[in-house]
N, C-alpha and C. Protein backbone atom coordinates (compact mmCIF):
# COMPACT_ATOMS: atom_id res chain seq x y z
N UNK A 1 0.77 -1.23 -0.03
CA UNK A 1 -0.04 -0.04 -0.05
C UNK A 1 0.86 1.16 0.00
N UNK A 2 2.12 1.21 0.53
CA UNK A 2 2.94 2.43 0.63
C UNK A 2 3.42 2.82 -0.79
N UNK A 3 3.49 1.81 -1.69
CA UNK A 3 3.93 2.30 -2.99
C UNK A 3 2.76 3.12 -3.77
N UNK A 4 1.54 2.88 -3.40
CA UNK A 4 0.43 3.45 -4.10
C UNK A 4 0.34 5.03 -3.67
N UNK A 5 0.72 5.33 -2.45
CA UNK A 5 0.58 6.56 -1.91
C UNK A 5 1.57 7.56 -2.81
N UNK A 6 2.92 7.23 -3.04
CA UNK A 6 3.71 8.20 -3.78
C UNK A 6 3.07 8.18 -5.22
N UNK A 7 2.72 7.12 -5.86
CA UNK A 7 2.07 7.24 -7.19
C UNK A 7 0.90 8.10 -7.42
N UNK A 8 0.03 8.03 -6.35
CA UNK A 8 -1.25 8.88 -6.30
C UNK A 8 -0.74 10.17 -6.07
N UNK A 9 0.26 10.55 -5.50
CA UNK A 9 0.73 12.03 -5.09
C UNK A 9 1.25 12.43 -6.54
N UNK A 10 2.04 11.47 -7.30
CA UNK A 10 2.81 11.99 -8.51
C UNK A 10 1.50 12.31 -9.56
N UNK A 11 0.55 11.37 -9.57
CA UNK A 11 -0.71 11.65 -10.49
C UNK A 11 -1.31 13.00 -10.19
N UNK A 12 -1.63 13.22 -8.87
CA UNK A 12 -2.26 14.45 -8.47
C UNK A 12 -1.39 15.46 -8.90
N UNK A 13 -0.14 15.63 -8.69
CA UNK A 13 0.64 16.68 -9.09
C UNK A 13 0.77 16.77 -10.64
N UNK A 14 0.70 15.73 -11.33
CA UNK A 14 0.62 15.94 -12.78
C UNK A 14 -0.56 16.65 -13.42
N UNK A 15 -1.77 16.07 -12.88
CA UNK A 15 -3.01 16.66 -13.24
C UNK A 15 -3.26 18.21 -12.84
N UNK A 16 -2.79 18.42 -11.68
CA UNK A 16 -2.78 19.80 -11.12
C UNK A 16 -2.02 20.70 -12.06
N UNK A 17 -0.76 20.27 -12.36
CA UNK A 17 0.10 20.94 -13.41
C UNK A 17 -0.53 21.10 -14.84
N UNK A 18 -1.25 20.01 -15.30
CA UNK A 18 -1.81 20.13 -16.50
C UNK A 18 -3.09 20.94 -16.49
N UNK A 19 -3.75 20.91 -15.39
CA UNK A 19 -4.91 21.87 -15.24
C UNK A 19 -4.40 23.47 -15.36
N UNK A 20 -3.42 23.87 -14.72
CA UNK A 20 -2.79 25.04 -14.64
C UNK A 20 -2.32 25.58 -16.00
N UNK A 21 -1.73 24.69 -16.81
CA UNK A 21 -1.29 24.80 -18.00
C UNK A 21 -2.39 25.08 -19.07
N UNK A 22 -3.50 24.68 -18.88
CA UNK A 22 -4.65 24.76 -19.81
C UNK A 22 -5.48 26.06 -19.40
N UNK A 23 -5.13 26.71 -18.27
CA UNK A 23 -5.74 27.94 -18.01
C UNK A 23 -6.74 27.76 -16.75
N UNK A 24 -6.73 26.66 -16.18
CA UNK A 24 -7.52 26.41 -14.86
C UNK A 24 -6.51 25.89 -13.85
N UNK A 25 -6.63 26.28 -12.63
CA UNK A 25 -7.60 27.13 -12.13
C UNK A 25 -7.00 28.61 -12.34
N UNK A 26 -7.84 29.66 -12.10
CA UNK A 26 -7.43 31.05 -12.29
C UNK A 26 -6.09 31.35 -11.66
N UNK A 27 -5.44 32.32 -12.20
CA UNK A 27 -4.12 32.76 -11.66
C UNK A 27 -4.46 33.84 -10.41
N UNK A 28 -3.55 33.98 -9.61
CA UNK A 28 -3.72 34.86 -8.52
C UNK A 28 -4.03 36.11 -8.97
N UNK A 29 -4.81 37.01 -8.22
CA UNK A 29 -5.07 38.35 -8.62
C UNK A 29 -3.63 39.03 -8.60
N UNK A 30 -3.55 40.16 -9.31
CA UNK A 30 -2.30 40.99 -9.31
C UNK A 30 -2.76 42.34 -9.30
N UNK A 31 -2.12 43.31 -8.36
CA UNK A 31 -2.51 44.55 -8.11
C UNK A 31 -1.44 45.54 -8.67
N UNK A 32 -1.71 46.43 -9.82
CA UNK A 32 -0.84 47.28 -10.47
C UNK A 32 -0.66 48.51 -9.56
N UNK A 33 0.30 49.32 -10.06
CA UNK A 33 0.48 50.64 -9.46
C UNK A 33 -0.68 51.55 -9.41
N UNK A 34 -1.57 51.39 -10.34
CA UNK A 34 -2.67 52.29 -10.48
C UNK A 34 -3.91 51.89 -9.52
N UNK A 35 -3.72 50.55 -8.95
CA UNK A 35 -4.70 50.15 -8.20
C UNK A 35 -5.69 49.01 -8.74
N UNK A 36 -5.50 48.83 -10.20
CA UNK A 36 -6.23 47.85 -10.77
C UNK A 36 -5.89 46.40 -10.21
N UNK A 37 -6.89 45.62 -9.85
CA UNK A 37 -6.82 44.28 -9.50
C UNK A 37 -7.18 43.36 -10.66
N UNK A 38 -6.06 42.85 -11.24
CA UNK A 38 -6.24 41.94 -12.50
C UNK A 38 -6.02 40.54 -12.15
N UNK A 39 -7.13 39.66 -12.32
CA UNK A 39 -6.89 38.22 -12.41
C UNK A 39 -7.32 37.55 -13.58
N UNK A 40 -6.22 36.90 -14.10
CA UNK A 40 -6.50 36.10 -15.41
C UNK A 40 -7.14 34.86 -14.99
N UNK A 41 -8.40 34.54 -15.68
CA UNK A 41 -9.20 33.37 -15.53
C UNK A 41 -8.85 32.39 -16.70
N UNK A 42 -8.59 33.04 -18.00
CA UNK A 42 -8.08 32.08 -19.00
C UNK A 42 -7.29 32.88 -19.74
N UNK A 43 -6.18 32.07 -20.04
CA UNK A 43 -5.14 32.83 -21.08
C UNK A 43 -5.47 32.67 -22.48
N UNK A 44 -5.44 33.78 -23.33
CA UNK A 44 -5.74 33.79 -24.63
C UNK A 44 -4.43 33.52 -25.38
N UNK A 45 -4.41 33.82 -26.83
CA UNK A 45 -3.37 33.50 -27.73
C UNK A 45 -3.15 34.75 -28.50
N UNK A 46 -1.90 34.68 -29.10
CA UNK A 46 -1.51 35.81 -29.96
C UNK A 46 -1.14 37.10 -29.23
N UNK A 47 -1.04 38.22 -29.95
CA UNK A 47 -0.57 39.36 -29.49
C UNK A 47 -1.50 40.14 -28.60
N UNK A 48 -1.07 40.70 -27.72
CA UNK A 48 -1.96 41.75 -26.85
C UNK A 48 -2.15 42.91 -27.56
N UNK A 49 -3.40 43.60 -27.38
CA UNK A 49 -3.62 44.84 -27.88
C UNK A 49 -2.76 45.99 -27.41
N UNK A 50 -2.57 47.10 -28.20
CA UNK A 50 -2.12 48.28 -27.56
C UNK A 50 -3.09 49.26 -27.42
N UNK A 51 -2.76 50.36 -26.76
CA UNK A 51 -3.79 51.29 -26.46
C UNK A 51 -4.53 51.98 -27.74
N UNK A 52 -3.87 51.93 -28.74
CA UNK A 52 -4.44 52.35 -30.00
C UNK A 52 -5.25 51.39 -30.85
N UNK A 53 -5.31 49.98 -30.36
CA UNK A 53 -6.02 49.21 -31.13
C UNK A 53 -7.63 49.19 -30.74
N UNK A 54 -8.37 48.58 -31.58
CA UNK A 54 -9.73 48.42 -31.52
C UNK A 54 -9.95 46.93 -31.07
N UNK A 55 -10.71 46.77 -30.04
CA UNK A 55 -11.00 45.35 -29.58
C UNK A 55 -12.32 45.13 -29.59
N UNK A 56 -12.81 43.75 -29.58
CA UNK A 56 -14.12 43.30 -29.49
C UNK A 56 -14.13 42.43 -28.07
N UNK A 57 -15.08 42.80 -27.33
CA UNK A 57 -15.04 42.32 -25.72
C UNK A 57 -16.52 41.91 -25.50
N UNK A 58 -16.51 41.02 -24.86
CA UNK A 58 -17.87 40.62 -23.93
C UNK A 58 -17.57 40.86 -22.47
N UNK A 59 -18.63 41.37 -21.70
CA UNK A 59 -18.32 41.71 -20.50
C UNK A 59 -19.49 41.74 -19.75
N UNK A 60 -19.41 41.77 -18.30
CA UNK A 60 -20.46 41.99 -17.20
C UNK A 60 -19.79 42.84 -16.16
N UNK A 61 -20.45 43.91 -15.97
CA UNK A 61 -20.01 44.86 -14.97
C UNK A 61 -21.00 44.84 -13.70
N UNK A 62 -20.41 44.91 -12.61
CA UNK A 62 -21.19 44.80 -11.20
C UNK A 62 -20.29 45.32 -10.23
N UNK A 63 -21.12 45.75 -9.13
CA UNK A 63 -20.62 46.53 -7.93
C UNK A 63 -20.09 45.40 -7.02
N UNK A 64 -18.75 45.51 -6.57
CA UNK A 64 -18.07 44.75 -5.65
C UNK A 64 -18.81 44.49 -4.30
N UNK A 65 -19.47 45.41 -3.75
CA UNK A 65 -20.01 45.32 -2.48
C UNK A 65 -21.43 44.43 -2.54
N UNK A 66 -22.19 44.83 -3.52
CA UNK A 66 -23.48 44.07 -3.48
C UNK A 66 -23.83 42.93 -4.65
N UNK A 67 -22.70 43.11 -5.64
CA UNK A 67 -22.57 41.98 -6.77
C UNK A 67 -23.73 42.36 -7.63
N UNK A 68 -24.40 43.62 -7.54
CA UNK A 68 -25.52 44.00 -8.36
C UNK A 68 -24.94 44.37 -9.92
N UNK A 69 -25.35 43.76 -10.86
CA UNK A 69 -24.93 43.91 -12.09
C UNK A 69 -25.58 45.33 -12.82
N UNK A 70 -24.58 46.22 -13.32
CA UNK A 70 -25.11 47.51 -13.90
C UNK A 70 -25.05 47.48 -15.39
N UNK A 71 -24.23 46.49 -15.96
CA UNK A 71 -24.32 46.30 -17.43
C UNK A 71 -23.57 45.20 -17.87
N UNK A 72 -24.15 44.57 -19.09
CA UNK A 72 -23.67 43.42 -19.73
C UNK A 72 -23.81 43.28 -21.03
N UNK A 73 -22.69 43.04 -21.73
CA UNK A 73 -23.01 42.63 -23.37
C UNK A 73 -23.54 41.30 -23.28
N UNK A 74 -23.02 40.39 -22.50
CA UNK A 74 -23.41 39.10 -22.34
C UNK A 74 -24.91 38.86 -22.26
N UNK A 75 -25.46 39.72 -21.45
CA UNK A 75 -27.05 39.72 -21.30
C UNK A 75 -27.80 40.07 -22.49
N UNK A 76 -27.07 41.09 -23.22
CA UNK A 76 -27.56 41.69 -24.50
C UNK A 76 -27.30 40.84 -25.58
N UNK A 77 -26.47 39.74 -25.52
CA UNK A 77 -26.03 38.82 -26.41
C UNK A 77 -25.29 39.39 -27.73
N UNK A 78 -24.72 40.45 -27.37
CA UNK A 78 -23.91 41.26 -28.46
C UNK A 78 -22.51 41.77 -27.82
N UNK A 79 -21.39 41.43 -28.40
CA UNK A 79 -20.16 41.95 -27.82
C UNK A 79 -20.01 43.49 -28.31
N UNK A 80 -19.12 44.20 -27.74
CA UNK A 80 -18.87 45.52 -28.32
C UNK A 80 -17.53 45.77 -28.74
N UNK A 81 -17.52 46.45 -29.76
CA UNK A 81 -16.04 46.88 -30.52
C UNK A 81 -15.90 48.32 -29.87
N UNK A 82 -14.60 48.71 -29.46
CA UNK A 82 -14.20 49.93 -29.19
C UNK A 82 -12.71 50.27 -29.25
N UNK A 83 -12.34 51.38 -29.56
CA UNK A 83 -11.09 51.77 -29.42
C UNK A 83 -10.61 51.62 -27.94
N UNK A 84 -9.43 50.94 -27.75
CA UNK A 84 -8.92 50.70 -26.20
C UNK A 84 -8.70 52.09 -25.64
N UNK A 85 -8.34 53.16 -26.32
CA UNK A 85 -7.85 54.32 -25.67
C UNK A 85 -9.12 55.33 -25.53
N UNK A 86 -10.34 54.66 -25.77
CA UNK A 86 -11.56 55.38 -25.80
C UNK A 86 -12.63 55.04 -24.56
N UNK A 87 -11.99 54.15 -23.61
CA UNK A 87 -12.76 53.76 -22.49
C UNK A 87 -12.04 54.10 -21.15
N UNK A 88 -12.56 53.70 -20.09
CA UNK A 88 -12.18 54.13 -18.81
C UNK A 88 -10.65 53.44 -18.63
N UNK A 89 -9.82 54.17 -17.89
CA UNK A 89 -8.40 53.92 -17.85
C UNK A 89 -8.25 52.38 -17.23
N UNK A 90 -9.05 51.83 -16.46
CA UNK A 90 -9.01 50.66 -16.03
C UNK A 90 -9.01 49.46 -17.16
N UNK A 91 -9.91 49.70 -17.95
CA UNK A 91 -9.96 48.97 -19.16
C UNK A 91 -8.93 49.00 -20.07
N UNK A 92 -8.32 50.19 -20.29
CA UNK A 92 -7.32 50.30 -21.28
C UNK A 92 -5.96 49.61 -20.72
N UNK A 93 -5.74 49.71 -19.36
CA UNK A 93 -4.69 49.03 -18.78
C UNK A 93 -4.86 47.52 -18.89
N UNK A 94 -6.01 47.05 -18.27
CA UNK A 94 -6.30 45.61 -18.13
C UNK A 94 -6.17 44.90 -19.64
N UNK A 95 -6.88 45.53 -20.53
CA UNK A 95 -7.05 44.70 -21.68
C UNK A 95 -5.61 44.48 -22.48
N UNK A 96 -4.91 45.41 -22.26
CA UNK A 96 -3.29 45.26 -22.69
C UNK A 96 -2.66 44.23 -22.17
N UNK A 97 -3.24 43.64 -20.94
CA UNK A 97 -2.50 42.49 -20.36
C UNK A 97 -3.15 41.10 -20.80
N UNK A 98 -4.04 41.41 -21.70
CA UNK A 98 -4.75 40.19 -22.29
C UNK A 98 -4.43 39.76 -23.68
N UNK A 99 -4.86 38.57 -24.08
CA UNK A 99 -4.73 38.18 -25.33
C UNK A 99 -6.02 37.67 -25.96
N UNK A 100 -6.39 37.64 -27.36
CA UNK A 100 -7.61 37.10 -27.76
C UNK A 100 -8.04 35.73 -27.33
N UNK A 101 -9.26 35.63 -26.67
CA UNK A 101 -9.72 34.33 -26.17
C UNK A 101 -9.36 34.43 -24.74
N UNK A 102 -8.73 35.47 -24.16
CA UNK A 102 -8.57 35.39 -22.70
C UNK A 102 -9.74 35.89 -21.97
N UNK A 103 -9.83 35.58 -20.71
CA UNK A 103 -10.81 35.93 -19.84
C UNK A 103 -10.20 36.47 -18.57
N UNK A 104 -10.69 37.55 -17.98
CA UNK A 104 -10.20 38.06 -16.71
C UNK A 104 -11.21 38.69 -15.88
N UNK A 105 -10.91 38.91 -14.51
CA UNK A 105 -11.81 39.53 -13.67
C UNK A 105 -10.92 40.76 -13.32
N UNK A 106 -11.70 42.12 -13.34
CA UNK A 106 -11.03 43.18 -13.08
C UNK A 106 -11.77 43.79 -11.83
N UNK A 107 -10.98 44.43 -11.07
CA UNK A 107 -11.52 45.24 -9.91
C UNK A 107 -10.85 46.63 -10.18
N UNK A 108 -11.74 47.69 -10.62
CA UNK A 108 -11.37 48.91 -10.81
C UNK A 108 -11.70 49.84 -9.64
N UNK A 109 -10.68 50.50 -9.02
CA UNK A 109 -10.89 51.56 -7.96
C UNK A 109 -11.61 52.95 -8.80
N UNK A 110 -12.26 53.48 -8.01
CA UNK A 110 -12.91 54.73 -8.77
C UNK A 110 -12.11 55.65 -9.49
N UNK A 111 -10.82 55.70 -8.94
CA UNK A 111 -9.84 56.60 -9.66
C UNK A 111 -9.59 56.25 -11.10
N UNK A 112 -9.77 55.02 -11.57
CA UNK A 112 -9.36 54.52 -12.84
C UNK A 112 -10.49 54.10 -13.47
N UNK A 113 -11.77 54.27 -12.80
CA UNK A 113 -13.02 54.09 -13.33
C UNK A 113 -13.80 55.41 -13.80
N UNK A 114 -14.82 55.54 -13.12
CA UNK A 114 -15.56 56.75 -13.49
C UNK A 114 -15.37 57.93 -12.62
N UNK A 115 -14.50 57.75 -11.35
CA UNK A 115 -14.21 58.79 -10.52
C UNK A 115 -15.27 59.41 -9.86
N UNK A 116 -15.05 60.68 -9.44
CA UNK A 116 -15.89 61.54 -8.75
C UNK A 116 -17.28 61.82 -9.47
N UNK A 117 -17.22 61.81 -10.92
CA UNK A 117 -18.38 62.25 -11.65
C UNK A 117 -19.46 60.93 -11.76
N UNK A 118 -19.01 59.73 -11.57
CA UNK A 118 -20.04 58.59 -11.78
C UNK A 118 -20.22 58.47 -13.21
N UNK A 119 -21.46 57.88 -13.58
CA UNK A 119 -21.76 57.76 -14.85
C UNK A 119 -23.31 57.43 -15.16
N UNK A 120 -23.82 58.44 -15.82
CA UNK A 120 -25.22 58.15 -16.34
C UNK A 120 -26.23 57.87 -15.22
N UNK A 121 -26.07 58.19 -14.00
CA UNK A 121 -27.09 58.06 -12.92
C UNK A 121 -26.97 56.49 -12.73
N UNK A 122 -26.29 55.83 -13.25
CA UNK A 122 -26.23 54.30 -12.98
C UNK A 122 -25.00 53.89 -12.04
N UNK A 123 -23.92 54.57 -12.32
CA UNK A 123 -22.68 54.45 -11.27
C UNK A 123 -22.57 55.63 -10.58
N UNK A 124 -22.70 55.38 -9.22
CA UNK A 124 -22.51 56.65 -8.50
C UNK A 124 -21.14 57.20 -8.46
N UNK A 125 -20.94 58.34 -8.08
CA UNK A 125 -19.60 58.88 -7.94
C UNK A 125 -18.60 58.07 -6.88
N UNK A 126 -17.50 57.97 -7.13
CA UNK A 126 -16.41 57.32 -6.29
C UNK A 126 -16.61 55.87 -6.10
N UNK A 127 -17.28 55.18 -7.21
CA UNK A 127 -17.66 53.78 -6.89
C UNK A 127 -16.65 52.94 -7.66
N UNK A 128 -16.09 51.74 -6.76
CA UNK A 128 -15.30 50.98 -7.43
C UNK A 128 -16.19 49.91 -8.30
N UNK A 129 -15.56 49.31 -9.24
CA UNK A 129 -16.40 48.49 -10.18
C UNK A 129 -15.60 47.21 -10.38
N UNK A 130 -16.43 46.04 -10.55
CA UNK A 130 -15.95 44.80 -10.93
C UNK A 130 -16.36 44.51 -12.39
N UNK A 131 -15.41 43.95 -13.17
CA UNK A 131 -15.94 43.43 -14.58
C UNK A 131 -15.33 42.03 -14.73
N UNK A 132 -16.11 41.38 -15.41
CA UNK A 132 -15.63 39.88 -16.00
C UNK A 132 -15.67 40.31 -17.34
N UNK A 133 -14.46 40.03 -17.97
CA UNK A 133 -14.17 40.50 -19.39
C UNK A 133 -13.59 39.38 -20.25
N UNK A 134 -14.12 39.24 -21.42
CA UNK A 134 -13.46 38.17 -22.47
C UNK A 134 -13.21 39.00 -23.61
N UNK A 135 -11.82 39.04 -23.78
CA UNK A 135 -11.34 39.59 -24.97
C UNK A 135 -11.53 38.74 -26.28
N UNK A 136 -12.34 39.00 -27.15
CA UNK A 136 -12.71 38.22 -28.22
C UNK A 136 -11.77 38.40 -29.29
N UNK A 137 -11.41 39.66 -29.82
CA UNK A 137 -10.40 39.80 -30.77
C UNK A 137 -9.89 41.27 -30.82
N UNK A 138 -8.81 41.24 -31.50
CA UNK A 138 -8.07 42.47 -31.64
C UNK A 138 -8.00 42.99 -33.08
N UNK A 139 -8.62 44.00 -33.30
CA UNK A 139 -8.90 44.40 -34.81
C UNK A 139 -7.37 44.83 -35.43
N UNK A 140 -7.09 44.13 -36.52
CA UNK A 140 -5.94 44.50 -37.13
C UNK A 140 -4.63 43.63 -36.71
N UNK A 141 -5.04 42.79 -35.86
CA UNK A 141 -3.73 41.89 -35.49
C UNK A 141 -4.02 40.40 -35.69
């Protein structure tokens, strides 16, 4: 029986390593100097976008404290295309860390989201925001 234990441990280590290589489980969150908390959930492939690229994204935005969703392209069934330098700084920074096909969870402090102005009566002033983001494609790459 003692010979089975090391074999089981080796097999468990192999499967854990294989799961990590396949993008599961999620990577540990990383906090950048801006305050963005970026957690890669699935690695994509290819080149990462630059701030001047146009990207196609599916996303879900929600409040960290309540979990209440405030916007979702997923719920609408329609991804969005936008120039990366035309969105909140949190997204510009985070999406440059991703590759097409990748998924990530973002926690955006107010300073790199909508700040003291809020947005459209939906997002209050000084609100931190969470986003689940999938980078579908980078235009021109």
